[in-house]
Protein backbone atom coordinates (compact mmCIF):
# COMPACT_ATOMS: atom_id res chain seq x y z
CA MET A 1 246.93 -7.08 -5.02
CA LYS A 2 247.05 -5.59 -8.50
CA GLU A 3 250.39 -3.94 -9.27
CA THR A 4 250.19 -0.19 -9.82
CA LYS A 5 251.50 0.81 -13.23
CA LEU A 6 253.06 4.25 -13.23
CA ARG A 7 252.78 6.53 -16.28
CA TRP A 8 256.40 7.64 -16.46
CA ASN A 9 255.82 9.79 -19.54
CA ILE A 10 253.31 11.91 -17.61
CA ILE A 11 255.48 12.02 -14.47
CA LEU A 12 258.56 13.16 -16.42
CA TRP A 13 256.53 15.73 -18.38
CA MET A 14 255.01 17.27 -15.26
CA VAL A 15 258.31 17.37 -13.40
CA SER A 16 260.02 18.96 -16.42
CA VAL A 17 257.32 21.60 -16.94
CA HIS A 18 257.36 22.62 -13.28
CA LEU A 19 261.16 22.76 -13.12
CA ILE A 20 261.48 24.82 -16.30
CA ALA A 21 258.76 27.19 -15.06
CA LEU A 22 260.60 27.60 -11.75
CA ILE A 23 263.93 28.27 -13.49
CA SER A 24 262.22 30.77 -15.82
CA LEU A 25 260.71 32.93 -13.05
CA PRO A 26 263.78 35.14 -12.37
CA TYR A 27 264.13 35.97 -16.09
CA GLY A 28 260.68 37.48 -16.45
CA ASN A 29 260.24 40.91 -18.01
CA LEU A 30 257.37 43.06 -19.20
CA ALA A 31 256.93 41.03 -22.41
CA CYS A 32 256.78 37.84 -20.34
CA LEU A 33 254.09 39.28 -18.08
CA ILE A 34 252.06 40.45 -21.08
CA ALA A 35 252.32 37.01 -22.70
CA LEU A 36 251.19 35.32 -19.48
CA GLY A 37 248.40 37.87 -18.96
CA ILE A 38 247.00 37.24 -22.43
CA LEU A 39 247.67 33.54 -22.89
CA TYR A 40 246.53 32.31 -19.46
CA PRO A 41 242.91 33.55 -19.90
CA LEU A 42 242.88 32.52 -23.57
CA THR A 43 244.09 28.99 -22.79
CA ALA A 44 241.86 28.53 -19.75
CA ILE A 45 238.77 29.76 -21.58
CA GLY A 46 239.67 27.47 -24.47
CA VAL A 47 239.31 24.63 -21.96
CA THR A 48 236.21 25.92 -20.16
CA LEU A 49 234.38 27.06 -23.28
CA GLY A 50 235.69 24.58 -25.84
CA TYR A 51 236.62 21.29 -24.21
CA HIS A 52 234.13 21.55 -21.39
CA ARG A 53 230.86 23.33 -22.06
CA MET A 54 230.74 23.14 -25.85
CA MET A 55 232.16 19.70 -26.58
CA SER A 56 231.86 17.60 -23.41
CA HIS A 57 228.33 18.75 -22.53
CA LYS A 58 226.97 20.17 -25.82
CA ALA A 59 225.77 23.25 -23.90
CA PHE A 60 225.66 25.25 -27.12
CA LYS A 61 226.24 24.82 -30.83
CA ALA A 62 228.90 26.77 -32.74
CA PRO A 63 229.54 26.80 -36.48
CA LYS A 64 232.13 24.17 -37.37
CA TRP A 65 234.87 26.71 -38.15
CA LEU A 66 234.45 28.37 -34.73
CA GLU A 67 234.12 25.04 -32.94
CA ARG A 68 237.46 23.96 -34.37
CA ILE A 69 239.09 27.24 -33.37
CA PHE A 70 237.88 26.82 -29.77
CA MET A 71 239.16 23.25 -29.67
CA THR A 72 242.53 24.19 -31.17
CA ILE A 73 243.01 26.97 -28.63
CA ALA A 74 242.16 24.48 -25.88
CA THR A 75 245.07 22.24 -26.95
CA LEU A 76 247.41 25.01 -25.77
CA SER A 77 246.61 23.71 -22.28
CA VAL A 78 248.56 20.52 -23.17
CA GLN A 79 246.15 18.32 -21.22
CA GLY A 80 246.15 15.52 -23.75
CA GLY A 81 244.27 15.37 -27.03
CA PRO A 82 240.73 16.75 -27.30
CA ILE A 83 239.14 13.31 -27.71
CA GLU A 84 240.90 11.99 -24.60
CA TRP A 85 239.98 15.09 -22.57
CA VAL A 86 236.31 15.00 -23.52
CA GLY A 87 236.04 11.23 -23.11
CA LEU A 88 237.57 11.28 -19.64
CA HIS A 89 235.36 14.18 -18.60
CA ARG A 90 232.21 12.44 -19.78
CA HIS A 91 233.33 9.35 -17.89
CA HIS A 92 233.87 11.46 -14.75
CA HIS A 93 230.27 12.66 -14.87
CA LEU A 94 228.98 9.12 -15.28
CA HIS A 95 230.83 8.00 -12.13
CA SER A 96 231.51 11.19 -10.18
CA ASP A 97 233.23 10.43 -6.84
CA GLU A 98 232.54 6.73 -7.25
CA PRO A 99 235.34 4.11 -7.32
CA ALA A 100 235.33 4.16 -11.14
CA ASP A 101 235.92 7.93 -11.24
CA HIS A 102 239.56 8.45 -12.21
CA HIS A 103 239.88 11.55 -9.98
CA ASN A 104 237.51 10.40 -7.25
CA SER A 105 237.72 13.09 -4.53
CA ARG A 106 236.93 10.51 -1.85
CA ARG A 107 240.49 9.20 -2.36
CA GLY A 108 241.91 12.46 -1.04
CA LEU A 109 242.96 15.93 -2.13
CA TRP A 110 246.30 14.92 -3.65
CA TRP A 111 244.71 12.14 -5.68
CA SER A 112 241.91 14.27 -7.12
CA HIS A 113 244.22 17.22 -7.80
CA MET A 114 246.98 15.46 -9.73
CA GLY A 115 247.95 12.08 -8.27
CA TRP A 116 245.51 10.18 -10.47
CA MET A 117 247.41 11.15 -13.63
CA PHE A 118 250.60 9.44 -12.53
CA GLN A 119 249.10 5.95 -12.54
CA GLU A 120 247.40 3.89 -15.21
CA VAL A 121 243.90 5.27 -15.87
CA PRO A 122 241.38 2.45 -16.50
CA ALA A 123 238.84 4.99 -17.76
CA MET A 124 241.01 5.45 -20.88
CA ALA A 125 239.51 2.22 -22.21
CA GLU A 126 236.06 3.86 -22.21
CA VAL A 127 237.09 6.95 -24.19
CA PRO A 128 236.37 5.53 -27.71
CA ALA A 129 232.81 4.58 -26.76
CA LEU A 130 232.18 7.98 -25.15
CA THR A 131 233.49 10.11 -28.03
CA LYS A 132 231.95 8.62 -31.16
CA ASP A 133 230.66 12.07 -32.14
CA MET A 134 234.17 13.53 -32.18
CA GLN A 135 235.70 10.60 -34.02
CA LYS A 136 233.54 11.44 -37.03
CA ASP A 137 235.49 14.68 -37.50
CA PRO A 138 238.84 14.04 -39.26
CA TYR A 139 240.29 17.26 -37.85
CA TYR A 140 239.72 16.13 -34.26
CA VAL A 141 241.18 12.71 -35.06
CA TRP A 142 244.27 14.48 -36.42
CA LEU A 143 244.40 16.91 -33.48
CA GLU A 144 244.23 14.02 -31.01
CA SER A 145 247.58 12.72 -32.24
CA ASN A 146 249.07 16.16 -32.89
CA PHE A 147 247.77 18.24 -29.98
CA MET A 148 251.30 19.48 -29.23
CA VAL A 149 251.65 21.15 -32.65
CA PRO A 150 249.94 24.47 -31.71
CA THR A 151 252.10 24.74 -28.59
CA ILE A 152 255.30 24.00 -30.54
CA VAL A 153 254.38 26.67 -33.11
CA LEU A 154 253.61 29.13 -30.31
CA GLY A 155 256.90 28.31 -28.60
CA ALA A 156 258.84 28.93 -31.83
CA LEU A 157 257.07 32.28 -32.24
CA PHE A 158 257.91 33.26 -28.66
CA TYR A 159 261.56 32.31 -29.16
CA TRP A 160 261.72 34.47 -32.30
CA LEU A 161 260.07 37.41 -30.53
CA GLY A 162 261.78 37.29 -27.14
CA GLY A 163 264.13 34.35 -26.76
CA TRP A 164 264.10 31.78 -23.97
CA PRO A 165 262.61 34.06 -21.27
CA LEU A 166 259.47 34.51 -23.35
CA VAL A 167 259.33 30.78 -24.05
CA GLY A 168 259.74 30.05 -20.34
CA TRP A 169 256.92 32.36 -19.29
CA GLY A 170 254.63 32.07 -22.33
CA ILE A 171 254.76 28.27 -22.40
CA PHE A 172 255.97 26.76 -19.12
CA VAL A 173 254.90 29.25 -16.46
CA ARG A 174 251.55 29.55 -18.22
CA LEU A 175 251.12 25.77 -18.32
CA VAL A 176 251.79 25.43 -14.60
CA VAL A 177 249.16 28.06 -13.81
CA VAL A 178 246.60 26.53 -16.21
CA TYR A 179 247.30 23.02 -14.94
CA HIS A 180 246.73 23.81 -11.29
CA VAL A 181 243.68 25.97 -11.94
CA THR A 182 242.14 23.16 -14.00
CA TRP A 183 243.00 20.58 -11.34
CA LEU A 184 241.45 22.74 -8.61
CA VAL A 185 238.09 22.08 -10.24
CA ASN A 186 238.66 18.36 -9.61
CA SER A 187 240.02 18.79 -6.09
CA ALA A 188 239.06 22.06 -4.35
CA THR A 189 235.50 22.19 -5.67
CA HIS A 190 234.93 18.65 -4.42
CA THR A 191 236.30 19.61 -1.00
CA TRP A 192 235.48 23.20 0.01
CA GLY A 193 232.43 25.35 -0.60
CA TYR A 194 228.66 25.29 -0.30
CA ARG A 195 226.13 22.92 -1.82
CA ARG A 196 222.96 24.33 -3.33
CA TYR A 197 221.85 20.95 -4.69
CA LYS A 198 221.87 17.47 -3.16
CA THR A 199 223.95 15.62 -5.75
CA THR A 200 225.36 12.14 -5.19
CA ASP A 201 228.95 13.40 -5.41
CA ASN A 202 230.99 15.86 -3.33
CA SER A 203 230.66 18.78 -5.76
CA ARG A 204 230.65 22.24 -4.18
CA ASN A 205 230.43 25.87 -5.23
CA ASN A 206 233.75 27.56 -4.53
CA TRP A 207 234.05 31.30 -5.16
CA TRP A 208 237.82 31.56 -5.52
CA VAL A 209 238.01 28.67 -7.98
CA GLY A 210 235.12 30.36 -9.77
CA LEU A 211 237.28 33.44 -10.25
CA LEU A 212 240.50 31.61 -11.17
CA ALA A 213 238.76 29.18 -13.55
CA PHE A 214 236.44 31.69 -15.25
CA GLY A 215 233.23 30.27 -13.79
CA GLU A 216 234.08 26.59 -13.41
CA GLY A 217 234.16 26.86 -9.62
CA TRP A 218 230.35 26.85 -9.34
CA HIS A 219 230.71 23.12 -9.50
CA ASN A 220 227.71 21.96 -7.51
CA ASN A 221 225.50 23.97 -9.84
CA HIS A 222 227.24 22.28 -12.77
CA HIS A 223 226.87 18.75 -11.43
CA ALA A 224 223.19 19.36 -10.75
CA HIS A 225 222.60 20.65 -14.30
CA GLN A 226 225.48 19.24 -16.31
CA ALA A 227 224.44 20.44 -19.76
CA ASN A 228 223.68 23.98 -18.64
CA ALA A 229 225.74 26.59 -20.49
CA PHE A 230 225.79 28.85 -17.42
CA HIS A 231 227.35 27.69 -14.15
CA GLY A 232 226.81 30.83 -12.11
CA GLU A 233 223.18 31.00 -11.03
CA LYS A 234 223.16 34.06 -8.78
CA TRP A 235 224.33 37.53 -9.78
CA TRP A 236 227.32 37.22 -7.45
CA GLU A 237 228.42 33.86 -8.88
CA ILE A 238 230.80 35.35 -11.44
CA ASP A 239 230.92 33.17 -14.55
CA VAL A 240 233.16 34.71 -17.22
CA THR A 241 232.74 31.74 -19.54
CA GLY A 242 228.98 32.11 -19.26
CA TYR A 243 229.23 35.83 -20.06
CA ILE A 244 231.20 35.02 -23.22
CA ILE A 245 228.53 32.53 -24.24
CA ARG A 246 225.84 35.21 -23.75
CA VAL A 247 227.77 37.70 -25.89
CA LEU A 248 228.35 35.18 -28.69
CA SER A 249 224.69 34.22 -28.53
CA GLY A 250 223.62 37.87 -28.59
CA PHE A 251 225.52 38.39 -31.83
CA GLY A 252 223.95 35.24 -33.29
CA ILE A 253 227.31 33.50 -33.62
CA ILE A 254 226.33 30.46 -31.54
CA SER A 255 222.93 28.82 -31.02
CA ASN A 256 221.06 26.06 -29.20
CA ILE A 257 222.07 27.47 -25.81
CA ILE A 258 221.02 25.17 -22.98
CA ASN A 259 219.75 27.17 -20.00
CA VAL A 260 218.15 24.87 -17.47
CA LYS A 261 215.46 26.45 -15.31
CA LYS A 262 216.64 26.44 -11.70
CA VAL A 263 214.56 25.23 -8.78
């Protein structure tokens, strides 16, 4: 049997973030709540709009300056560098819920939610081949190795404005919320919900993940039409990320919007 290699750097990081967030909770104040209320949506939408729909699936085209802003904001999620994130996500769609899928939901809820990160991820070896487009951009190559820089700068700003309580809430509490909401797309939306399309994976449409993750919970729709810029297909499938894309498109800021005709 092949020995399991644990990723101790990831384990220690996740334990530390969760512990600091827990310790920070009693010290919250109005400034902390405002920081969380602003930065949680901004960070999450950076992931859903930037990492996911724009870069992983090319669902729309943004001018390079705006594209880089979206991707930089997404690094505030501290989910690895942008090249790694996009490469792993593209790999997931190639092998969704198959043995090669790094967060294969058929291995259980814990595994698909976060357990997969704590062990060696074979899919990492495929990232370079899946992200050749991003490797042509020197800024993304730099950001891959320095993805913590925006968060460190933000943390220093928070410390200057409000001391450790603001750092605790604006960085660590926010990260815990963003982490688990992101992971719910891998776990909950492959476990609970309804299926509009007969895909080969376990993807489902889940309304409460749709609300928490700004439209990413309509996951069966997404897996059926992966490049589609809009995940919510019915009027009641609230898709905040899709609404933002429509607004940006309406102002002519972004173009080449992919809107697959539904069956």
